[in-house]
Structure formats: structure tokens, C-alpha cells
Amino acid sequence: MAFTPPPPYDPTDKNGFSYKTVNTRWPVILTGVIDTVCNFNHELHVQAADEATANANADKIAQGRSIIEQISKLKYEMARDKELQTLYDDGEPHVELYNSQLEELKKEGKNTWYTAPWLFAECYLYRLLRNYFLAAKWTDYDPFFKQKIDTFSKSSVAVLQLSATLHKFEASPTSDPADLEILFKEMIQMCLWGNATDLSLLTHLTLDDIARLQSVGHEEQEKRSQFILRDDQHAIWQRLQNLGSRKRIDFVFTDLVFADFLVTYTPYVDKVVFHPKLIPWFVSDVTPPDFNAAIEALTRADFFPPSQASDAGAVQQVVSRWKKYLADGTFSLSVPLDTPLGGAGAKGTKAEFWSSPHPYWNMETEATALWRELRNESGMVFFKLTGDVKWPASTPFEAALGPLGGTIPVAALRTNKADVIVGLPEDVAAKLDADEGIKWRVDGR
């Protein structure tokens, strides 16, 4: 039987997430990109210490100005609900695919910023930005990198707490499955709530915001337990205990601490594969350069404030273990570690699927090699998304996975940040919807 999902949420509904995204969230993100490019251009100007450097930088600055002009025009067109422009062939994946889908939307009268399905439009937006940077020959420039690394540097307290948690396990190792499950639940909830720190949504994060979102420990878990609406932790743990010879886990995001716990402190997992995005994506999604930069940052003496420097030794021990795991294959990316933005040298790889406009449920037909690898080699795949369509809240999670359901063991660690909700009793969703004082579907809590 053909899979026929419900229609997407109506992007013209002014109370919906899609409308607020186009009206408020994307303009803030684009303004941030403009500011970042302006600041980088200024740095290039200041760096021009000799004539040769000045000439080279002048070309780069001119290219940067063209990017700023294009994004400024894009903001203008977005605010006025203009048509989505076609992508030019920049040599990177999915140009023809995006353009053909734009043609289909045009036939339906849904090819403007306020009428296109928001998830397609959001994917398209980040691919369009990549189009602009490639046209200007800024091929290795990630306009979100500084924001990501700055937020990471502001997370030093959480980094220390997580490292201390891992050392607590090391100081008191256990092989008892019941004790391990308690530790597992502590770690998986850290991973879950880390999903709330989403830079594409939280566009004005303060240090206090970051500390609140990233607070860890048993007491914080107790406080947050009331906000877990669907809890399959025990089922996930049972699955991990019964992986048999297939002890590989895949993350379609990157959580080094949770991965470290699984391979270091449990007997059930011996390999973790992380699947990065090949281009800057949804602001905070990890690219291969981000992955390397995060590990490198933790080895720098200045990553931790002087008041925390005495506690940083535990972090260095953890990072040393990660480097060993990367060297021996216990940890790996789905592409080579030195893969640059855009995936040069990794073209045609399975990683390209993650920045396509395809719903993940089409993986078997649109990324068959990737689907086959995950089906045959992975014991569990950790995702954070379902398709953004108007499912009834009581729709079983496996049904919402469409053709992907039942073919790959999937666990979703997701805080609610869009209208779509599945896997909840209808009365629970109705009660929450009736409370006008909360935005439970979208606020990440």
C-alpha cells in the first residue's frame, strides 16, 4: 500500500510555527549572517598589512559585499512574500532536485515564502545561502561557525559537569544491568535536553539561558521529568542490551558524551558513527570542520575561565579518550574527518542525503546505499526529527516514520520545537493545547 501522509501544516496560518518562522525567525537568522560577513570583511580590511595582502583581501571583501547584497535582497523579498528563486548550478548536490520541487510548488501556487511548506522552505533557505557563498567563492566559509564556537565556549560549566559525570562512572564502575540502566537514563536525558539548545530557534541566547538549558545532574532531571511527554527510555535500554553481534550505534547529530558513555561504560556498544551535515545547516548542525573544532577547542588552555582551570584535567582525560577512539575507529564520522565544507572529496557519498529536501522516510528510495548500511550494520539510529505534516497527536511513532518504520531501529530524542507531534494520547495533547499560557509544541521545553 502506498504511503500517504497528511498534508503539511498551513504556512499561512498566522498562529502557526511556519508563519512565525518566516515572519520573525528567519529574518533574525539572515540579519545575523549579514552581521557576521560584515565583521569578517572588517577583519580582512584590518589585516591588510602589505600591498599583496591588501589586494587579495580587497577581492575577498568585494565578494563579501556581494553576499551581503544578496542576503539583504533576500530579506526584502521574504518580507514581501516573493517567489522562491531557483538555484544556480554551483557544482554541489541537490540543485536540480530543489529546482524541480520549486517548479512543482509553482504549479500548486505554493512557491512563495509564506505559502511553501515550511520544512522544505527551511532546507531550501540553507541551500540557497550555500549557493550565495559558492557564487562569491567563499567556499570554505561557514557563516554560523563563530556563533557555534562562541556558544560552545560559553558552555564550559556544562562541559566540566559532564566530564565529572563520566569520571564518576569511571571511579565506581558497575556491570550490573539495573545500575547501568540508572546511569543510562541520566546520560540519555542529558542528550535529550541538549536538543533544547537550538541556535536556529534561540537567536538571542544569554549566558544564563545556556546555563539553564545545559544544566545536568540528578536534581535537574527530577525537575524536568514532568516535561517528558513520551518516555521510551526503558525500551531503548532493552534494545541496546540485545544488540547481539551488531554493536554499532549511529547518531544523526553529534553527542560525544552520550556516545562515550555507551562505548566506555556499557558492554553493549563498541562502535559509534556520527553523521554530520556537509554544508552549514539549520545554524547549529554539525559539519566535519565543526566536529574537529570542538575537540580542538577543548584542548586549548583558554577554553575554561581561570576560575575553572583547576578542574579542566578531567576534560583533558576524556578528550584524550575520544582522540584514541577516533584513531582506532571506535568513533568515526560517516565521511573522512578532514572533509571540508561542501564535501569535496566526499561527493556522491551517503552523507549528502542529510541536506536534501527529501523527508527522511524516503531514505530507502532516495538514498538506498545509506538506508542499506543503516539497516544491515547499525543496532540503533538516534534521530531528532519526524516528517513535518499534520499528524493527529495519537499517531503511533512508527506510523509517522512511514516507509522507514520497521526497516531501521530508530530512537528519537526530541524536544518539541515545531507544530508536529506524534505518539501521544489524544487527551494529553488536547489538555496541553487548551492551556493558552504555554507554547508546548514549539518552545523546546
Protein backbone atom coordinates (compact mmCIF):
# COMPACT_ATOMS: atom_id res chain seq x y z
CA MET A 1 0.00 0.00 0.00
CA ALA A 2 1.33 3.46 -0.91
CA PHE A 3 2.29 5.71 1.96
CA THR A 4 0.12 8.83 2.00
CA PRO A 5 0.96 11.21 4.84
CA PRO A 6 -1.36 14.04 5.90
CA PRO A 7 -0.80 17.48 4.35
CA PRO A 8 1.78 19.86 5.87
CA TYR A 9 0.68 22.48 8.36
CA ASP A 10 -0.86 25.53 6.68
CA PRO A 11 2.01 28.04 6.34
CA THR A 12 -0.46 30.94 6.01
CA ASP A 13 -1.90 30.32 9.50
CA LYS A 14 -0.66 33.33 11.48
CA ASN A 15 -0.82 31.34 14.72
CA GLY A 16 1.29 28.51 13.34
CA PHE A 17 5.01 27.85 13.64
CA SER A 18 5.56 28.21 9.90
CA TYR A 19 4.21 31.76 9.69
CA LYS A 20 6.22 32.89 12.72
CA THR A 21 9.31 31.29 11.23
CA VAL A 22 9.04 33.31 8.01
CA ASN A 23 7.88 36.46 9.74
CA THR A 24 10.31 36.52 12.65
CA ARG A 25 12.83 33.70 12.96
CA TRP A 26 14.40 33.62 9.50
CA PRO A 27 14.86 37.39 9.26
CA VAL A 28 16.78 37.31 12.57
CA ILE A 29 18.99 34.48 11.26
CA LEU A 30 19.65 36.30 7.99
CA THR A 31 20.47 39.52 9.83
CA GLY A 32 22.97 37.55 11.89
CA VAL A 33 24.62 36.23 8.71
CA ILE A 34 24.87 39.77 7.30
CA ASP A 35 26.47 40.98 10.53
CA THR A 36 28.92 38.08 10.54
CA VAL A 37 30.02 38.74 6.95
CA CYS A 38 30.33 42.49 7.66
CA ASN A 39 32.54 41.78 10.67
CA PHE A 40 34.68 39.36 8.69
CA ASN A 41 35.08 41.93 5.92
CA HIS A 42 36.23 44.44 8.52
CA GLU A 43 38.79 41.95 9.85
CA LEU A 44 40.08 41.42 6.30
CA HIS A 45 40.50 45.16 5.92
CA VAL A 46 42.39 45.49 9.21
CA GLN A 47 44.65 42.53 8.35
CA ALA A 48 45.93 44.16 5.14
CA ALA A 49 49.47 44.80 6.42
CA ASP A 50 51.14 44.81 2.98
CA GLU A 51 50.14 45.53 -0.59
CA ALA A 52 49.88 41.89 -1.70
CA THR A 53 47.63 41.03 1.24
CA ALA A 54 45.63 44.20 0.67
CA ASN A 55 44.97 43.26 -2.96
CA ALA A 56 43.97 39.69 -2.10
CA ASN A 57 41.77 40.87 0.74
CA ALA A 58 40.19 43.55 -1.47
CA ASP A 59 38.87 40.82 -3.78
CA LYS A 60 37.57 38.85 -0.80
CA ILE A 61 35.93 41.96 0.65
CA ALA A 62 34.21 42.70 -2.67
CA GLN A 63 32.90 39.14 -2.76
CA GLY A 64 31.66 39.56 0.81
CA ARG A 65 29.80 42.70 -0.17
CA SER A 66 28.05 40.77 -2.95
CA ILE A 67 26.93 38.18 -0.37
CA ILE A 68 25.59 40.96 1.86
CA GLU A 69 23.69 42.50 -1.05
CA GLN A 70 22.11 39.17 -1.98
CA ILE A 71 21.04 38.35 1.57
CA SER A 72 19.68 41.87 2.05
CA LYS A 73 17.64 41.44 -1.13
CA LEU A 74 16.51 38.04 0.12
CA LYS A 75 15.25 39.57 3.38
CA TYR A 76 13.32 42.18 1.37
CA GLU A 77 11.74 39.53 -0.85
CA MET A 78 10.93 37.25 2.07
CA ALA A 79 9.10 40.03 3.92
CA ARG A 80 7.00 40.70 0.81
CA ASP A 81 6.20 37.04 0.11
CA LYS A 82 8.05 36.91 -3.20
CA GLU A 83 8.68 33.72 -5.15
CA LEU A 84 11.50 31.41 -4.09
CA GLN A 85 14.31 31.89 -6.59
CA THR A 86 15.86 28.96 -8.46
CA LEU A 87 19.35 27.84 -7.52
CA TYR A 88 22.19 28.17 -9.97
CA ASP A 89 24.35 25.11 -10.65
CA ASP A 90 27.18 25.60 -8.18
CA GLY A 91 28.62 22.09 -8.55
CA GLU A 92 27.34 20.83 -5.20
CA PRO A 93 24.47 18.37 -4.69
CA HIS A 94 20.72 18.78 -4.99
CA VAL A 95 20.48 21.90 -7.20
CA GLU A 96 18.33 20.14 -9.78
CA LEU A 97 16.27 18.46 -7.07
CA TYR A 98 15.46 21.73 -5.28
CA ASN A 99 14.67 23.46 -8.57
CA SER A 100 12.36 20.68 -9.74
CA GLN A 101 10.48 20.83 -6.43
CA LEU A 102 10.20 24.61 -6.80
CA GLU A 103 8.58 24.02 -10.19
CA GLU A 104 6.06 21.65 -8.64
CA LEU A 105 5.25 24.16 -5.91
CA LYS A 106 4.80 26.86 -8.55
CA LYS A 107 2.17 24.74 -10.28
CA GLU A 108 0.35 24.48 -6.95
CA GLY A 109 0.68 28.21 -6.24
CA LYS A 110 2.85 27.47 -3.21
CA ASN A 111 6.25 28.78 -4.29
CA THR A 112 6.44 31.94 -2.19
CA TRP A 113 7.99 32.42 1.23
CA TYR A 114 4.68 32.43 3.10
CA THR A 115 3.00 29.66 1.09
CA ALA A 116 5.70 26.99 0.69
CA PRO A 117 5.71 24.10 3.19
CA TRP A 118 7.99 25.40 5.91
CA LEU A 119 10.30 22.38 6.24
CA PHE A 120 11.02 22.37 2.50
CA ALA A 121 11.48 26.15 2.61
CA GLU A 122 13.86 25.92 5.57
CA CYS A 123 16.01 23.29 3.86
CA TYR A 124 15.93 25.38 0.70
CA LEU A 125 16.95 28.52 2.63
CA TYR A 126 20.18 26.96 3.89
CA ARG A 127 20.94 25.51 0.45
CA LEU A 128 20.29 28.97 -1.06
CA LEU A 129 22.73 30.57 1.38
CA ARG A 130 25.31 27.98 0.35
CA ASN A 131 24.58 28.98 -3.27
CA TYR A 132 25.40 32.61 -2.44
CA PHE A 133 28.68 31.78 -0.72
CA LEU A 134 29.80 29.49 -3.53
CA ALA A 135 28.99 32.17 -6.12
CA ALA A 136 31.25 34.55 -4.20
CA LYS A 137 33.98 31.87 -3.97
CA TRP A 138 33.74 31.79 -0.17
CA THR A 139 33.65 28.01 -0.43
CA ASP A 140 35.11 27.20 2.99
CA TYR A 141 33.24 29.87 4.95
CA ASP A 142 30.55 28.86 7.43
CA PRO A 143 28.51 31.95 8.42
CA PHE A 144 27.37 30.16 11.59
CA PHE A 145 30.74 28.86 12.75
CA LYS A 146 31.55 31.76 15.04
CA GLN A 147 28.12 31.56 16.64
CA LYS A 148 28.52 27.82 17.21
CA ILE A 149 32.02 28.02 18.66
CA ASP A 150 31.12 31.05 20.81
CA THR A 151 28.13 29.22 22.26
CA PHE A 152 30.33 26.18 22.85
CA SER A 153 32.89 28.31 24.70
CA LYS A 154 30.07 29.66 26.89
CA SER A 155 29.18 26.06 27.77
CA SER A 156 32.33 25.38 29.80
CA VAL A 157 30.37 24.82 33.03
CA ALA A 158 28.27 22.11 31.37
CA VAL A 159 31.41 20.57 29.81
CA LEU A 160 33.00 20.31 33.26
CA GLN A 161 29.84 18.83 34.76
CA LEU A 162 29.55 16.23 32.01
CA SER A 163 33.21 15.29 32.33
CA ALA A 164 32.78 14.95 36.09
CA THR A 165 29.79 12.67 35.48
CA LEU A 166 31.87 10.41 33.23
CA HIS A 167 34.65 10.32 35.84
CA LYS A 168 32.10 9.38 38.47
CA PHE A 169 31.26 6.32 36.39
CA GLU A 170 34.97 5.54 36.00
CA ALA A 171 35.60 5.83 39.75
CA SER A 172 32.70 3.50 40.54
CA PRO A 173 32.33 1.11 37.60
CA THR A 174 29.42 -1.28 37.54
CA SER A 175 28.42 -4.21 35.39
CA ASP A 176 25.02 -4.70 36.99
CA PRO A 177 22.36 -4.10 34.29
CA ALA A 178 19.98 -2.41 36.76
CA ASP A 179 22.66 0.04 37.89
CA LEU A 180 23.75 0.63 34.31
CA GLU A 181 20.18 1.45 33.34
CA ILE A 182 20.05 4.18 36.00
CA LEU A 183 23.25 5.68 34.60
CA PHE A 184 21.96 5.26 31.05
CA LYS A 185 18.81 7.22 31.85
CA GLU A 186 20.88 10.02 33.33
CA MET A 187 23.01 10.21 30.18
CA ILE A 188 20.21 9.89 27.64
CA GLN A 189 18.28 12.67 29.36
CA MET A 190 21.34 14.90 29.16
CA CYS A 191 21.37 14.17 25.44
CA LEU A 192 17.62 14.85 25.17
CA TRP A 193 17.71 18.22 26.91
CA GLY A 194 20.79 19.26 24.98
CA ASN A 195 18.44 19.30 22.00
CA ALA A 196 16.79 22.38 23.51
CA THR A 197 19.93 24.43 22.78
CA ASP A 198 18.96 25.08 19.17
CA LEU A 199 20.64 28.15 17.69
CA SER A 200 18.17 28.37 14.81
CA LEU A 201 15.38 28.94 17.36
CA LEU A 202 17.12 30.62 20.27
CA THR A 203 18.51 33.56 18.39
CA HIS A 204 19.37 35.68 21.45
CA LEU A 205 20.93 33.22 23.91
CA THR A 206 22.42 34.72 27.06
CA LEU A 207 24.90 33.02 29.39
CA ASP A 208 22.05 32.40 31.83
CA ASP A 209 19.93 30.83 29.07
CA ILE A 210 22.76 28.48 28.14
CA ALA A 211 23.42 27.52 31.75
CA ARG A 212 19.72 26.81 32.33
CA LEU A 213 19.34 24.71 29.19
CA GLN A 214 22.53 22.74 29.76
CA SER A 215 22.26 22.11 33.49
CA VAL A 216 22.91 18.46 34.27
CA GLY A 217 22.61 16.12 37.21
CA HIS A 218 20.01 14.07 39.05
CA GLU A 219 18.18 17.04 40.61
CA GLU A 220 17.77 18.74 37.23
CA GLN A 221 16.42 15.51 35.77
CA GLU A 222 13.86 15.31 38.55
CA LYS A 223 12.72 18.87 37.82
CA ARG A 224 12.39 18.15 34.13
CA SER A 225 10.74 14.75 34.38
CA GLN A 226 7.29 16.37 34.35
CA PHE A 227 8.06 17.73 30.87
CA ILE A 228 8.77 14.32 29.30
CA LEU A 229 5.53 13.55 27.48
CA ARG A 230 6.57 10.30 25.82
CA ASP A 231 9.14 8.15 27.60
CA ASP A 232 10.59 5.05 25.92
CA GLN A 233 13.88 5.05 27.82
CA HIS A 234 13.39 1.52 29.14
CA ALA A 235 12.54 0.16 25.69
CA ILE A 236 15.64 1.82 24.24
CA TRP A 237 17.76 0.34 27.00
CA GLN A 238 16.33 -3.12 26.37
CA ARG A 239 17.13 -2.76 22.69
CA LEU A 240 20.72 -1.78 23.46
CA GLN A 241 21.11 -4.79 25.75
CA ASN A 242 20.06 -7.10 22.92
CA LEU A 243 22.15 -5.84 20.00
CA GLY A 244 23.96 -9.17 19.79
CA SER A 245 26.88 -9.01 17.35
CA ARG A 246 25.67 -5.74 15.80
CA LYS A 247 27.10 -3.35 18.39
CA ARG A 248 27.21 -0.24 16.24
CA ILE A 249 25.16 2.86 17.07
CA ASP A 250 24.57 5.79 14.69
CA PHE A 251 23.84 9.41 15.59
CA VAL A 252 22.28 11.72 13.00
CA PHE A 253 23.62 14.51 15.22
CA THR A 254 26.67 14.58 17.47
CA ASP A 255 26.68 13.82 21.18
CA LEU A 256 30.18 12.80 22.17
CA VAL A 257 29.43 12.42 25.87
CA PHE A 258 26.48 10.07 25.39
CA ALA A 259 28.46 8.12 22.79
CA ASP A 260 31.42 7.90 25.20
CA PHE A 261 29.17 6.52 27.92
CA LEU A 262 27.77 3.83 25.61
CA VAL A 263 31.14 2.52 24.40
CA THR A 264 33.20 3.05 27.58
CA TYR A 265 30.85 2.13 30.39
CA THR A 266 28.46 -0.43 28.89
CA PRO A 267 29.27 -3.81 27.29
CA TYR A 268 26.62 -3.38 24.62
CA VAL A 269 28.14 -0.87 22.14
CA ASP A 270 31.59 -0.98 20.57
CA LYS A 271 31.31 1.49 17.67
CA VAL A 272 29.62 4.86 17.12
CA VAL A 273 29.19 6.58 13.75
CA PHE A 274 28.26 10.26 13.65
CA HIS A 275 26.51 11.65 10.56
CA PRO A 276 27.38 15.34 10.03
CA LYS A 277 25.90 17.75 7.51
CA LEU A 278 28.20 18.65 4.62
CA ILE A 279 27.08 22.30 4.44
CA PRO A 280 26.11 24.88 7.09
CA TRP A 281 22.65 23.70 8.12
CA PHE A 282 19.93 24.93 10.49
CA VAL A 283 22.53 27.16 12.19
CA SER A 284 23.80 24.71 14.82
CA ASP A 285 24.00 21.38 12.96
CA VAL A 286 27.48 19.87 12.99
CA THR A 287 29.72 19.85 9.92
CA PRO A 288 33.03 17.93 9.75
CA PRO A 289 35.02 21.13 10.44
CA ASP A 290 32.78 21.78 13.48
CA PHE A 291 33.47 18.30 14.83
CA ASN A 292 37.22 18.82 14.65
CA ALA A 293 37.00 22.38 16.01
CA ALA A 294 35.02 21.27 19.06
CA ILE A 295 37.62 18.68 20.06
CA GLU A 296 40.47 21.10 19.37
CA ALA A 297 38.78 23.82 21.46
CA LEU A 298 38.65 21.52 24.48
CA THR A 299 42.43 21.07 24.35
CA ARG A 300 43.13 24.82 24.48
CA ALA A 301 44.26 26.30 27.77
CA ASP A 302 41.97 29.31 27.32
CA PHE A 303 38.75 27.33 26.78
CA PHE A 304 37.99 27.40 30.51
CA PRO A 305 37.94 30.61 32.56
CA PRO A 306 40.78 30.87 35.13
CA SER A 307 38.33 30.06 37.92
CA GLN A 308 37.64 26.67 36.30
CA ALA A 309 41.12 25.84 35.06
CA SER A 310 41.92 23.61 38.05
CA ASP A 311 39.01 21.31 37.13
CA ALA A 312 39.92 21.02 33.44
CA GLY A 313 42.17 17.97 33.90
CA ALA A 314 39.15 15.67 33.84
CA VAL A 315 38.13 17.12 30.48
CA GLN A 316 41.58 16.50 29.01
CA GLN A 317 41.40 12.85 30.03
CA VAL A 318 38.03 12.50 28.34
CA VAL A 319 39.22 14.26 25.18
CA SER A 320 42.31 12.03 25.07
CA ARG A 321 40.00 9.02 25.11
CA TRP A 322 37.92 10.49 22.26
CA LYS A 323 41.04 11.02 20.19
CA LYS A 324 42.03 7.42 20.80
CA TYR A 325 38.56 6.27 19.76
CA LEU A 326 38.78 8.33 16.57
CA ALA A 327 42.18 6.83 15.82
CA ASP A 328 41.12 3.21 16.35
CA GLY A 329 37.68 3.51 14.70
CA THR A 330 35.55 3.24 17.83
CA PHE A 331 34.28 6.71 16.91
CA SER A 332 34.02 7.82 13.31
CA LEU A 333 32.25 10.26 11.05
CA SER A 334 30.31 8.96 8.08
CA VAL A 335 32.81 10.90 5.92
CA PRO A 336 36.58 11.39 6.37
CA LEU A 337 37.48 13.60 9.34
CA ASP A 338 39.22 16.12 7.09
CA THR A 339 36.18 16.60 4.82
CA PRO A 340 35.80 20.33 4.07
CA LEU A 341 32.53 22.24 3.80
CA GLY A 342 30.61 21.09 0.76
CA GLY A 343 32.07 17.60 0.96
CA ALA A 344 34.83 17.98 -1.64
CA GLY A 345 36.40 14.54 -1.82
CA ALA A 346 33.21 13.06 -0.36
CA LYS A 347 30.94 13.79 -3.33
CA GLY A 348 28.46 11.08 -4.08
CA THR A 349 28.64 9.83 -0.50
CA LYS A 350 25.71 8.80 1.62
CA ALA A 351 26.14 11.95 3.74
CA GLU A 352 24.61 14.12 1.02
CA PHE A 353 21.13 12.86 1.89
CA TRP A 354 21.02 14.80 5.16
CA SER A 355 20.93 18.18 3.40
CA SER A 356 18.48 17.22 0.68
CA PRO A 357 14.82 18.31 0.77
CA HIS A 358 13.71 14.67 0.95
CA PRO A 359 11.79 13.57 4.05
CA TYR A 360 13.84 11.02 5.95
CA TRP A 361 11.07 8.47 5.40
CA ASN A 362 12.10 8.36 1.71
CA MET A 363 15.60 7.14 2.58
CA GLU A 364 15.16 3.68 1.07
CA THR A 365 14.31 5.06 -2.38
CA GLU A 366 16.32 8.31 -2.36
CA ALA A 367 19.47 7.17 -0.52
CA THR A 368 19.41 3.42 -0.93
CA ALA A 369 23.06 2.85 -0.04
CA LEU A 370 22.70 4.82 3.20
CA TRP A 371 19.47 3.01 4.09
CA ARG A 372 21.03 -0.37 3.38
CA GLU A 373 24.08 0.43 5.53
CA LEU A 374 21.96 1.51 8.48
CA ARG A 375 19.63 -1.46 8.11
CA ASN A 376 22.44 -4.00 7.87
CA GLU A 377 25.10 -2.56 10.17
CA SER A 378 23.50 -0.34 12.81
CA GLY A 379 21.91 -1.60 16.00
CA MET A 380 20.12 1.71 16.59
CA VAL A 381 19.92 5.09 14.87
CA PHE A 382 19.35 8.17 17.02
CA PHE A 383 17.38 10.87 15.19
CA LYS A 384 15.71 14.07 16.33
CA LEU A 385 13.06 14.59 13.63
CA THR A 386 9.87 13.23 12.13
CA GLY A 387 8.25 14.50 8.95
CA ASP A 388 6.57 17.87 9.39
CA VAL A 389 2.98 17.09 8.46
CA LYS A 390 -0.28 17.42 10.35
CA TRP A 391 -0.39 14.05 12.06
CA PRO A 392 -3.03 13.51 14.74
CA ALA A 393 -1.10 13.59 18.02
CA SER A 394 -2.04 9.98 18.76
CA THR A 395 -0.42 8.69 15.54
CA PRO A 396 1.99 5.89 16.53
CA PHE A 397 5.61 6.96 16.10
CA GLU A 398 6.35 4.05 13.77
CA ALA A 399 3.43 5.05 11.53
CA ALA A 400 4.82 8.60 11.34
CA LEU A 401 8.12 7.15 10.11
CA GLY A 402 6.31 5.96 7.00
CA PRO A 403 8.32 3.57 4.80
CA LEU A 404 11.29 3.93 7.16
CA GLY A 405 9.30 2.42 10.04
CA GLY A 406 10.27 -1.14 10.84
CA THR A 407 13.26 -1.16 8.49
CA ILE A 408 15.73 0.60 10.80
CA PRO A 409 15.67 0.68 14.62
CA VAL A 410 15.07 4.36 15.39
CA ALA A 411 15.12 6.31 18.65
CA ALA A 412 14.06 9.97 18.59
CA LEU A 413 15.50 12.28 21.24
CA ARG A 414 13.41 15.34 20.58
CA THR A 415 12.24 18.38 22.44
CA ASN A 416 9.15 19.94 20.90
CA LYS A 417 10.16 22.77 18.55
CA ALA A 418 7.57 22.66 15.78
CA ASP A 419 3.84 22.03 15.49
CA VAL A 420 4.15 18.34 14.63
CA ILE A 421 3.52 15.91 17.50
CA VAL A 422 3.12 12.13 17.34
CA GLY A 423 2.99 9.26 19.80
CA LEU A 424 0.88 11.00 22.46
CA PRO A 425 -2.54 10.07 23.80
CA GLU A 426 -5.06 12.43 22.22
CA ASP A 427 -6.36 13.62 25.61
CA VAL A 428 -2.84 14.65 26.72
CA ALA A 429 -2.32 16.72 23.59
CA ALA A 430 -5.80 18.26 23.88
CA LYS A 431 -5.20 19.26 27.50
CA LEU A 432 -1.90 20.90 26.64
CA ASP A 433 -3.36 22.66 23.59
CA ALA A 434 -6.12 24.07 25.79
CA ASP A 435 -3.59 25.83 28.04
CA GLU A 436 -3.08 29.14 26.28
CA GLY A 437 -0.34 30.09 28.72
CA ILE A 438 2.17 27.67 27.22
CA LYS A 439 3.54 27.03 23.73
CA TRP A 440 4.26 23.39 24.41
CA ARG A 441 4.58 22.35 20.77
CA VAL A 442 7.31 24.84 19.90
CA ASP A 443 9.12 26.17 22.97
CA GLY A 444 11.61 23.33 23.41
CA ARG A 445 10.57 22.57 27.00
